[in-house]
Amino acid sequence: MSHPDDEAFADRPTKRPYARIERERRFSLRALPDGVDPAFYERLRDTYIDGTQLRLRRVEAPDGSLVVVKLGQKRPDPARPDSPRHRQMTTFYLRPDDEAVLAALPGRKSVKRRYKLREQGWTFCIDVYEAPAAAVGILVAEVECDDDDSLDAIRRPAWAEREVTALPEYSGVALAAPG
């Protein structure tokens, strides 16, 4: 199922180039903001493979049908290794057969619904954790920008509780649990 305004979210596509610098900020929330349609989301099933910096991600439509499977790696940006806002992101798009092999590896797992909301000229992705049990109900919004000036210009949305970009406990791997 696609969102009726997919073109409005063109800055946050489901598929991206193989390698890029990710410029991102994250915010914690108490609830979904007004303007988010609870019927339009993607379910993300993540496995952070033990002993690696790799994340296997299965993206599903609300009906459970497969959208895409990808293997990603986030590493510090070599130009800004201490910046929590900048990461070097590499992505491989996989066949479902590849997913089955990699999903058998041990790792930390999480499941979340991802909603999209357009604000300040950018798309905020809002993740609502469904698993593991310790993360159920946690909401984290993230926004990515093409350049540092745009990233710096983002204001904390009124619906966000606080910025958590520099807090490692709000990272995906920290919120996942051994599977």
C-alpha atoms as a PDB file:
ATOM      1  CA  MET A   1       0.000   0.000   0.000  1.00  0.00           C
ATOM      2  CA  SER A   2       1.447   3.358  -0.900  1.00  0.00           C
ATOM      3  CA  HIS A   3       0.771   6.590   0.869  1.00  0.00           C
ATOM      4  CA  PRO A   4      -1.491   8.954  -1.078  1.00  0.00           C
ATOM      5  CA  ASP A   5       1.173  11.666  -0.883  1.00  0.00           C
ATOM      6  CA  ASP A   6       4.285   9.606  -1.779  1.00  0.00           C
ATOM      7  CA  GLU A   7       5.646  12.439  -3.944  1.00  0.00           C
ATOM      8  CA  ALA A   8       5.469  14.744  -0.925  1.00  0.00           C
ATOM      9  CA  PHE A   9       7.958  12.427   0.831  1.00  0.00           C
ATOM     10  CA  ALA A  10      10.471  12.269  -2.045  1.00  0.00           C
ATOM     11  CA  ASP A  11      13.291  13.322   0.321  1.00  0.00           C
ATOM     12  CA  ARG A  12      12.801  10.037   2.259  1.00  0.00           C
ATOM     13  CA  PRO A  13      12.567   7.307  -0.399  1.00  0.00           C
ATOM     14  CA  THR A  14      12.340   3.604   0.432  1.00  0.00           C
ATOM     15  CA  LYS A  15      15.316   2.957  -1.899  1.00  0.00           C
ATOM     16  CA  ARG A  16      18.463   5.095  -1.914  1.00  0.00           C
ATOM     17  CA  PRO A  17      21.900   5.144  -3.564  1.00  0.00           C
ATOM     18  CA  TYR A  18      24.408   2.463  -2.538  1.00  0.00           C
ATOM     19  CA  ALA A  19      26.595   4.757  -0.375  1.00  0.00           C
ATOM     20  CA  ARG A  20      26.057   8.233   1.020  1.00  0.00           C
ATOM     21  CA  ILE A  21      26.624  10.473   4.029  1.00  0.00           C
ATOM     22  CA  GLU A  22      23.520  10.481   6.205  1.00  0.00           C
ATOM     23  CA  ARG A  23      22.813  13.807   7.919  1.00  0.00           C
ATOM     24  CA  GLU A  24      20.180  13.159  10.554  1.00  0.00           C
ATOM     25  CA  ARG A  25      18.595  14.485  13.729  1.00  0.00           C
ATOM     26  CA  ARG A  26      16.334  12.486  16.080  1.00  0.00           C
ATOM     27  CA  PHE A  27      13.618  13.501  18.546  1.00  0.00           C
ATOM     28  CA  SER A  28      11.627  11.605  21.180  1.00  0.00           C
ATOM     29  CA  LEU A  29       7.814  11.834  21.214  1.00  0.00           C
ATOM     30  CA  ARG A  30       5.015  10.890  23.572  1.00  0.00           C
ATOM     31  CA  ALA A  31       2.414  10.203  20.854  1.00  0.00           C
ATOM     32  CA  LEU A  32       1.861  10.343  17.114  1.00  0.00           C
ATOM     33  CA  PRO A  33       1.443  13.960  16.054  1.00  0.00           C
ATOM     34  CA  ASP A  34      -1.736  15.336  14.558  1.00  0.00           C
ATOM     35  CA  GLY A  35      -1.604  14.988  10.804  1.00  0.00           C
ATOM     36  CA  VAL A  36      -0.225  11.439  10.814  1.00  0.00           C
ATOM     37  CA  ASP A  37      -2.656   8.954   9.306  1.00  0.00           C
ATOM     38  CA  PRO A  38      -2.340   5.794  11.435  1.00  0.00           C
ATOM     39  CA  ALA A  39      -3.372   3.641   8.445  1.00  0.00           C
ATOM     40  CA  PHE A  40      -0.313   4.616   6.373  1.00  0.00           C
ATOM     41  CA  TYR A  41       2.940   3.149   7.602  1.00  0.00           C
ATOM     42  CA  GLU A  42       5.627   0.635   6.768  1.00  0.00           C
ATOM     43  CA  ARG A  43       6.619  -2.066   9.250  1.00  0.00           C
ATOM     44  CA  LEU A  44      10.381  -2.362   9.699  1.00  0.00           C
ATOM     45  CA  ARG A  45      11.824  -5.637  10.966  1.00  0.00           C
ATOM     46  CA  ASP A  46      15.463  -5.042  11.851  1.00  0.00           C
ATOM     47  CA  THR A  47      18.233  -7.458  12.813  1.00  0.00           C
ATOM     48  CA  TYR A  48      21.538  -5.978  13.948  1.00  0.00           C
ATOM     49  CA  ILE A  49      23.897  -8.863  13.182  1.00  0.00           C
ATOM     50  CA  ASP A  50      26.101  -9.746  16.153  1.00  0.00           C
ATOM     51  CA  GLY A  51      29.795  -8.952  15.800  1.00  0.00           C
ATOM     52  CA  THR A  52      29.261  -6.594  12.854  1.00  0.00           C
ATOM     53  CA  GLN A  53      28.047  -3.094  12.024  1.00  0.00           C
ATOM     54  CA  LEU A  54      25.428  -4.618   9.698  1.00  0.00           C
ATOM     55  CA  ARG A  55      21.664  -4.241   9.886  1.00  0.00           C
ATOM     56  CA  LEU A  56      19.285  -6.496   7.954  1.00  0.00           C
ATOM     57  CA  ARG A  57      16.010  -4.667   7.333  1.00  0.00           C
ATOM     58  CA  ARG A  58      12.761  -6.135   6.016  1.00  0.00           C
ATOM     59  CA  VAL A  59      10.220  -3.477   5.041  1.00  0.00           C
ATOM     60  CA  GLU A  60       6.575  -4.572   4.890  1.00  0.00           C
ATOM     61  CA  ALA A  61       3.310  -2.921   3.922  1.00  0.00           C
ATOM     62  CA  PRO A  62       0.571  -2.833   6.598  1.00  0.00           C
ATOM     63  CA  ASP A  63      -0.903  -6.050   5.134  1.00  0.00           C
ATOM     64  CA  GLY A  64       2.427  -7.838   5.703  1.00  0.00           C
ATOM     65  CA  SER A  65       3.462  -7.972   2.053  1.00  0.00           C
ATOM     66  CA  LEU A  66       7.134  -7.440   1.303  1.00  0.00           C
ATOM     67  CA  VAL A  67       8.218  -3.995   0.105  1.00  0.00           C
ATOM     68  CA  VAL A  68      12.007  -4.390   0.150  1.00  0.00           C
ATOM     69  CA  VAL A  69      14.840  -6.183   1.939  1.00  0.00           C
ATOM     70  CA  LYS A  70      18.132  -4.415   2.477  1.00  0.00           C
ATOM     71  CA  LEU A  71      21.419  -4.857   4.244  1.00  0.00           C
ATOM     72  CA  GLY A  72      22.849  -1.661   5.653  1.00  0.00           C
ATOM     73  CA  GLN A  73      25.912  -0.475   7.454  1.00  0.00           C
ATOM     74  CA  LYS A  74      26.219   2.798   9.384  1.00  0.00           C
ATOM     75  CA  ARG A  75      29.690   3.933  10.341  1.00  0.00           C
ATOM     76  CA  PRO A  76      31.094   7.222  11.576  1.00  0.00           C
ATOM     77  CA  ASP A  77      31.578   9.785   8.823  1.00  0.00           C
ATOM     78  CA  PRO A  78      35.354   9.830   8.205  1.00  0.00           C
ATOM     79  CA  ALA A  79      35.221  13.631   7.870  1.00  0.00           C
ATOM     80  CA  ARG A  80      33.342  14.008  11.200  1.00  0.00           C
ATOM     81  CA  PRO A  81      33.958  10.838  13.237  1.00  0.00           C
ATOM     82  CA  ASP A  82      32.628  12.330  16.498  1.00  0.00           C
ATOM     83  CA  SER A  83      29.419  13.808  15.083  1.00  0.00           C
ATOM     84  CA  PRO A  84      26.202  11.988  16.028  1.00  0.00           C
ATOM     85  CA  ARG A  85      24.493  13.847  13.139  1.00  0.00           C
ATOM     86  CA  HIS A  86      26.715  12.411  10.390  1.00  0.00           C
ATOM     87  CA  ARG A  87      27.094   8.760   9.412  1.00  0.00           C
ATOM     88  CA  GLN A  88      28.468   6.969   6.387  1.00  0.00           C
ATOM     89  CA  MET A  89      25.603   4.753   5.191  1.00  0.00           C
ATOM     90  CA  THR A  90      25.984   1.860   2.769  1.00  0.00           C
ATOM     91  CA  THR A  91      22.970  -0.103   1.512  1.00  0.00           C
ATOM     92  CA  PHE A  92      22.596  -3.331  -0.475  1.00  0.00           C
ATOM     93  CA  TYR A  93      19.170  -4.345  -1.792  1.00  0.00           C
ATOM     94  CA  LEU A  94      18.576  -8.074  -1.391  1.00  0.00           C
ATOM     95  CA  ARG A  95      16.397 -10.837  -2.751  1.00  0.00           C
ATOM     96  CA  PRO A  96      14.113 -12.621  -0.268  1.00  0.00           C
ATOM     97  CA  ASP A  97      16.344 -15.725  -0.612  1.00  0.00           C
ATOM     98  CA  ASP A  98      19.306 -13.670   0.620  1.00  0.00           C
ATOM     99  CA  GLU A  99      17.252 -12.435   3.549  1.00  0.00           C
ATOM    100  CA  ALA A 100      16.528 -15.986   4.716  1.00  0.00           C
ATOM    101  CA  VAL A 101      20.242 -16.806   4.935  1.00  0.00           C
ATOM    102  CA  LEU A 102      21.177 -13.600   6.769  1.00  0.00           C
ATOM    103  CA  ALA A 103      18.147 -13.671   9.095  1.00  0.00           C
ATOM    104  CA  ALA A 104      19.440 -16.958  10.535  1.00  0.00           C
ATOM    105  CA  LEU A 105      22.495 -15.154  11.936  1.00  0.00           C
ATOM    106  CA  PRO A 106      22.386 -14.149  15.609  1.00  0.00           C
ATOM    107  CA  GLY A 107      21.591 -10.532  16.320  1.00  0.00           C
ATOM    108  CA  ARG A 108      19.591  -7.929  18.148  1.00  0.00           C
ATOM    109  CA  LYS A 109      16.052  -7.526  16.766  1.00  0.00           C
ATOM    110  CA  SER A 110      13.337  -4.911  16.721  1.00  0.00           C
ATOM    111  CA  VAL A 111      10.025  -4.280  15.007  1.00  0.00           C
ATOM    112  CA  LYS A 112       8.557  -0.833  14.481  1.00  0.00           C
ATOM    113  CA  ARG A 113       5.925   0.971  12.447  1.00  0.00           C
ATOM    114  CA  ARG A 114       7.286   3.904  10.429  1.00  0.00           C
ATOM    115  CA  TYR A 115       5.033   6.857   9.667  1.00  0.00           C
ATOM    116  CA  LYS A 116       5.920   9.933   7.624  1.00  0.00           C
ATOM    117  CA  LEU A 117       5.003  13.545   8.290  1.00  0.00           C
ATOM    118  CA  ARG A 118       5.981  16.546   6.208  1.00  0.00           C
ATOM    119  CA  GLU A 119       7.055  19.566   8.261  1.00  0.00           C
ATOM    120  CA  GLN A 120       9.512  22.461   7.847  1.00  0.00           C
ATOM    121  CA  GLY A 121       9.987  21.423   4.227  1.00  0.00           C
ATOM    122  CA  TRP A 122      11.344  17.978   5.167  1.00  0.00           C
ATOM    123  CA  THR A 123       9.951  14.515   5.854  1.00  0.00           C
ATOM    124  CA  PHE A 124      10.068  13.354   9.453  1.00  0.00           C
ATOM    125  CA  CYS A 125       9.954   9.573   9.830  1.00  0.00           C
ATOM    126  CA  ILE A 126       8.282   8.574  13.073  1.00  0.00           C
ATOM    127  CA  ASP A 127       9.072   5.113  14.415  1.00  0.00           C
ATOM    128  CA  VAL A 128       6.728   3.457  16.912  1.00  0.00           C
ATOM    129  CA  TYR A 129       8.368   0.403  18.479  1.00  0.00           C
ATOM    130  CA  GLU A 130       6.345  -2.823  18.651  1.00  0.00           C
ATOM    131  CA  ALA A 131       9.194  -5.092  19.829  1.00  0.00           C
ATOM    132  CA  PRO A 132      11.187  -5.941  21.833  1.00  0.00           C
ATOM    133  CA  ALA A 133       9.066  -5.679  24.972  1.00  0.00           C
ATOM    134  CA  ALA A 134      11.425  -3.155  26.604  1.00  0.00           C
ATOM    135  CA  ALA A 135      11.003  -0.760  23.658  1.00  0.00           C
ATOM    136  CA  VAL A 136       7.245  -1.111  23.110  1.00  0.00           C
ATOM    137  CA  GLY A 137       5.655   2.316  22.940  1.00  0.00           C
ATOM    138  CA  ILE A 138       8.883   4.260  22.388  1.00  0.00           C
ATOM    139  CA  LEU A 139       8.481   6.845  19.615  1.00  0.00           C
ATOM    140  CA  VAL A 140      11.447   8.385  17.819  1.00  0.00           C
ATOM    141  CA  ALA A 141      11.224  10.836  14.934  1.00  0.00           C
ATOM    142  CA  GLU A 142      14.136  11.365  12.584  1.00  0.00           C
ATOM    143  CA  VAL A 143      14.726  13.862   9.836  1.00  0.00           C
ATOM    144  CA  GLU A 144      17.464  13.800   7.190  1.00  0.00           C
ATOM    145  CA  CYS A 145      18.704  16.768   5.192  1.00  0.00           C
ATOM    146  CA  ASP A 146      20.913  17.120   2.143  1.00  0.00           C
ATOM    147  CA  ASP A 147      23.334  19.576   3.729  1.00  0.00           C
ATOM    148  CA  ASP A 148      24.461  20.829   7.132  1.00  0.00           C
ATOM    149  CA  ASP A 149      22.846  24.253   6.831  1.00  0.00           C
ATOM    150  CA  SER A 150      19.432  22.646   6.280  1.00  0.00           C
ATOM    151  CA  LEU A 151      20.026  20.213   9.140  1.00  0.00           C
ATOM    152  CA  ASP A 152      20.976  23.075  11.473  1.00  0.00           C
ATOM    153  CA  ALA A 153      17.850  25.006  10.449  1.00  0.00           C
ATOM    154  CA  ILE A 154      15.488  22.250  11.643  1.00  0.00           C
ATOM    155  CA  ARG A 155      13.602  23.341  14.759  1.00  0.00           C
ATOM    156  CA  ARG A 156      12.362  20.857  17.331  1.00  0.00           C
ATOM    157  CA  PRO A 157       8.768  20.242  16.246  1.00  0.00           C
ATOM    158  CA  ALA A 158       6.077  21.262  18.733  1.00  0.00           C
ATOM    159  CA  TRP A 159       4.959  17.622  18.900  1.00  0.00           C
ATOM    160  CA  ALA A 160       8.453  16.398  19.855  1.00  0.00           C
ATOM    161  CA  GLU A 161       9.472  16.083  23.484  1.00  0.00           C
ATOM    162  CA  ARG A 162      13.229  16.645  23.074  1.00  0.00           C
ATOM    163  CA  GLU A 163      16.140  16.106  20.720  1.00  0.00           C
ATOM    164  CA  VAL A 164      17.905  12.761  21.257  1.00  0.00           C
ATOM    165  CA  THR A 165      20.395  12.768  18.363  1.00  0.00           C
ATOM    166  CA  ALA A 166      23.431  12.545  20.656  1.00  0.00           C
ATOM    167  CA  LEU A 167      21.887   9.972  23.027  1.00  0.00           C
ATOM    168  CA  PRO A 168      23.061   6.459  22.070  1.00  0.00           C
ATOM    169  CA  GLU A 169      20.207   4.843  24.012  1.00  0.00           C
ATOM    170  CA  TYR A 170      17.828   6.100  21.285  1.00  0.00           C
ATOM    171  CA  SER A 171      19.737   4.389  18.461  1.00  0.00           C
ATOM    172  CA  GLY A 172      18.102   1.469  16.703  1.00  0.00           C
ATOM    173  CA  VAL A 173      20.667  -1.052  17.897  1.00  0.00           C
ATOM    174  CA  ALA A 174      20.307   0.111  21.516  1.00  0.00           C
ATOM    175  CA  LEU A 175      16.512  -0.300  21.380  1.00  0.00           C
ATOM    176  CA  ALA A 176      16.763  -3.789  19.846  1.00  0.00           C
ATOM    177  CA  ALA A 177      17.102  -6.937  21.965  1.00  0.00           C
ATOM    178  CA  PRO A 178      18.906 -10.237  21.462  1.00  0.00           C
ATOM    179  CA  GLY A 179      16.838 -12.437  19.196  1.00  0.00           C
END
